[in-house]
Amino acid sequence: MKKVLIVSDNHGNKEVLEQLLLKHPDCSLYLHAGDSEDFQSNLYPYLTVKGNNDYYIENLYRIVKIENHSIYMVHGHRNFLSDDVMSACAKNNGCDIYVHGHIHRPYYKFYNGVHIMCPGSLRYPRSTKGETYIIMSIDENEVDVEIKSL
């Protein structure tokens, strides 16, 4: 089983990204769903997408493969974030996982055959859980999502 660390919306707080790398060195993949306010080259090993506060990142979306799964990742500020639209977008792009940021509230659901999730925010959270991120454990047949607080 491989682990994926998923974050979003750290809004310039690079230290929290480094802390999470140290806390979760066993992850195979590190994803950032936008609003880092930094350059992609400064965020390694995180793969990121452009958020509404990102001026140095070009990717509006990204498709990442892990095991026999494909992840569609977008920030969400240019997307209609309904379950039907997100699941259709994932499927139309050959993906079974849809990750977005932007709303600063963490959640996970399995809808219409697609795992849909938002890691929340590492800065300026809009939930009672505070600053949050996701650890997703994944293998050929299973996807397990855990929302974690800092």
Protein backbone atom coordinates (compact mmCIF):
# COMPACT_ATOMS: atom_id res chain seq x y z
CA MET A 1 0.00 0.00 0.00
CA LYS A 2 1.36 3.42 -0.98
CA LYS A 3 0.66 6.67 0.83
CA VAL A 4 -0.09 10.04 -0.73
CA LEU A 5 0.12 13.33 1.19
CA ILE A 6 -2.39 15.87 -0.14
CA VAL A 7 -2.34 19.55 0.90
CA SER A 8 -3.75 22.84 -0.30
CA ASP A 9 -3.93 26.53 0.46
CA ASN A 10 -0.82 27.15 2.56
CA HIS A 11 -0.79 30.75 1.25
CA GLY A 12 2.93 31.39 1.48
CA ASN A 13 3.61 29.39 4.64
CA LYS A 14 6.37 27.16 3.28
CA GLU A 15 7.43 25.96 6.74
CA VAL A 16 4.25 23.92 7.16
CA LEU A 17 4.98 22.09 3.89
CA GLU A 18 8.48 21.23 5.13
CA GLN A 19 7.10 20.06 8.50
CA LEU A 20 4.69 17.70 6.75
CA LEU A 21 7.51 16.25 4.64
CA LEU A 22 9.42 15.47 7.85
CA LYS A 23 6.31 14.09 9.54
CA HIS A 24 5.38 11.83 6.59
CA PRO A 25 8.61 10.68 4.90
CA ASP A 26 6.99 7.36 4.01
CA CYS A 27 4.72 8.88 1.35
CA SER A 28 5.27 7.90 -2.27
CA LEU A 29 3.63 11.05 -3.63
CA TYR A 30 3.13 14.62 -2.41
CA LEU A 31 0.30 16.63 -3.98
CA HIS A 32 -0.54 20.32 -3.55
CA ALA A 33 -3.95 21.50 -4.79
CA GLY A 34 -2.96 25.14 -5.22
CA ASP A 35 -2.58 28.51 -3.52
CA SER A 36 0.98 27.94 -2.42
CA GLU A 37 1.93 31.46 -3.59
CA ASP A 38 5.33 30.09 -4.64
CA PHE A 39 7.17 28.72 -7.67
CA GLN A 40 6.74 25.03 -8.58
CA SER A 41 10.53 24.64 -8.40
CA ASN A 42 10.51 25.77 -4.74
CA LEU A 43 7.85 23.25 -3.78
CA TYR A 44 9.64 20.01 -4.67
CA PRO A 45 8.72 17.19 -4.05
CA TYR A 46 5.13 18.48 -4.11
CA LEU A 47 3.36 18.40 -7.48
CA THR A 48 1.04 21.39 -7.63
CA VAL A 49 -1.59 23.20 -9.69
CA LYS A 50 -2.35 26.88 -10.12
CA GLY A 51 -4.68 28.42 -7.56
CA ASN A 52 -6.34 31.83 -7.68
CA ASN A 53 -3.44 33.27 -5.62
CA ASP A 54 -0.67 31.60 -7.62
CA TYR A 55 1.14 33.77 -10.13
CA TYR A 56 4.17 31.56 -10.81
CA ILE A 57 2.52 28.21 -11.53
CA GLU A 58 1.10 27.35 -14.93
CA ASN A 59 -0.67 23.97 -14.57
CA LEU A 60 -4.41 24.56 -14.19
CA TYR A 61 -4.89 20.84 -13.62
CA ARG A 62 -2.74 17.76 -13.33
CA ILE A 63 -3.33 14.03 -13.85
CA VAL A 64 -1.16 11.75 -11.75
CA LYS A 65 -1.08 7.97 -11.88
CA ILE A 66 -0.32 5.79 -8.86
CA GLU A 67 -0.83 2.04 -8.67
CA ASN A 68 -3.75 1.40 -11.04
CA HIS A 69 -5.48 4.68 -10.11
CA SER A 70 -5.45 8.08 -11.77
CA ILE A 71 -5.86 11.33 -9.85
CA TYR A 72 -7.32 14.47 -11.40
CA MET A 73 -6.17 17.49 -9.39
CA VAL A 74 -7.34 21.08 -9.78
CA HIS A 75 -7.53 24.03 -7.41
CA GLY A 76 -11.24 24.59 -7.95
CA HIS A 77 -11.60 28.36 -8.34
CA ARG A 78 -12.52 27.98 -12.03
CA ASN A 79 -14.62 24.85 -11.60
CA PHE A 80 -18.19 24.17 -10.58
CA LEU A 81 -17.62 21.98 -7.54
CA SER A 82 -20.76 19.86 -7.65
CA ASP A 83 -20.53 16.12 -7.15
CA ASP A 84 -21.94 15.45 -10.63
CA VAL A 85 -19.52 17.82 -12.38
CA MET A 86 -16.46 16.62 -10.44
CA SER A 87 -17.20 12.92 -10.97
CA ALA A 88 -17.91 13.49 -14.69
CA CYS A 89 -14.68 15.49 -15.06
CA ALA A 90 -12.67 12.72 -13.42
CA LYS A 91 -14.26 10.01 -15.57
CA ASN A 92 -13.91 12.05 -18.79
CA ASN A 93 -10.17 12.24 -18.07
CA GLY A 94 -9.80 8.55 -17.22
CA CYS A 95 -9.50 9.20 -13.47
CA ASP A 96 -11.13 7.59 -10.47
CA ILE A 97 -9.92 10.18 -7.92
CA TYR A 98 -10.71 13.92 -7.95
CA VAL A 99 -8.74 16.30 -5.68
CA HIS A 100 -9.39 20.01 -5.30
CA GLY A 101 -8.59 22.85 -2.92
CA HIS A 102 -9.90 26.43 -2.75
CA ILE A 103 -12.79 26.03 -0.29
CA HIS A 104 -10.58 25.69 2.84
CA ARG A 105 -12.88 22.97 4.24
CA PRO A 106 -11.80 19.32 4.27
CA TYR A 107 -14.06 16.51 3.12
CA TYR A 108 -14.07 13.15 1.41
CA LYS A 109 -16.83 11.26 -0.38
CA PHE A 110 -17.18 8.39 -2.81
CA TYR A 111 -19.65 9.50 -5.46
CA ASN A 112 -20.67 7.82 -8.71
CA GLY A 113 -17.55 5.64 -8.68
CA VAL A 114 -15.15 8.52 -8.00
CA HIS A 115 -13.25 9.35 -4.80
CA ILE A 116 -13.74 13.12 -4.35
CA MET A 117 -11.79 15.06 -1.75
CA CYS A 118 -10.51 18.39 -0.54
CA PRO A 119 -7.67 18.47 2.01
CA GLY A 120 -8.91 21.72 3.52
CA SER A 121 -6.37 24.42 4.19
CA LEU A 122 -2.98 24.75 5.85
CA ARG A 123 -3.67 28.45 6.41
CA TYR A 124 -6.92 30.37 6.97
CA PRO A 125 -9.10 27.29 7.60
CA ARG A 126 -12.88 27.52 7.35
CA SER A 127 -13.73 24.50 9.48
CA THR A 128 -13.73 23.60 13.14
CA LYS A 129 -10.96 21.06 12.43
CA GLY A 130 -8.43 23.88 11.95
CA GLU A 131 -5.54 23.44 9.51
CA THR A 132 -5.95 20.12 7.72
CA TYR A 133 -4.46 17.82 5.11
CA ILE A 134 -5.12 14.32 3.78
CA ILE A 135 -3.19 11.08 3.93
CA MET A 136 -4.51 8.74 1.25
CA SER A 137 -3.47 5.09 1.38
CA ILE A 138 -3.80 3.40 -1.96
CA ASP A 139 -3.20 0.04 -3.58
CA GLU A 140 -4.55 -1.73 -6.64
CA ASN A 141 -7.99 -2.31 -5.14
CA GLU A 142 -8.42 0.08 -2.22
CA VAL A 143 -8.40 3.81 -1.53
CA ASP A 144 -8.47 4.89 2.11
CA VAL A 145 -8.66 8.61 2.97
CA GLU A 146 -7.82 10.11 6.35
CA ILE A 147 -8.31 13.81 7.06
CA LYS A 148 -5.69 14.94 9.55
CA SER A 149 -5.33 18.14 11.58
CA LEU A 150 -1.98 19.81 12.17
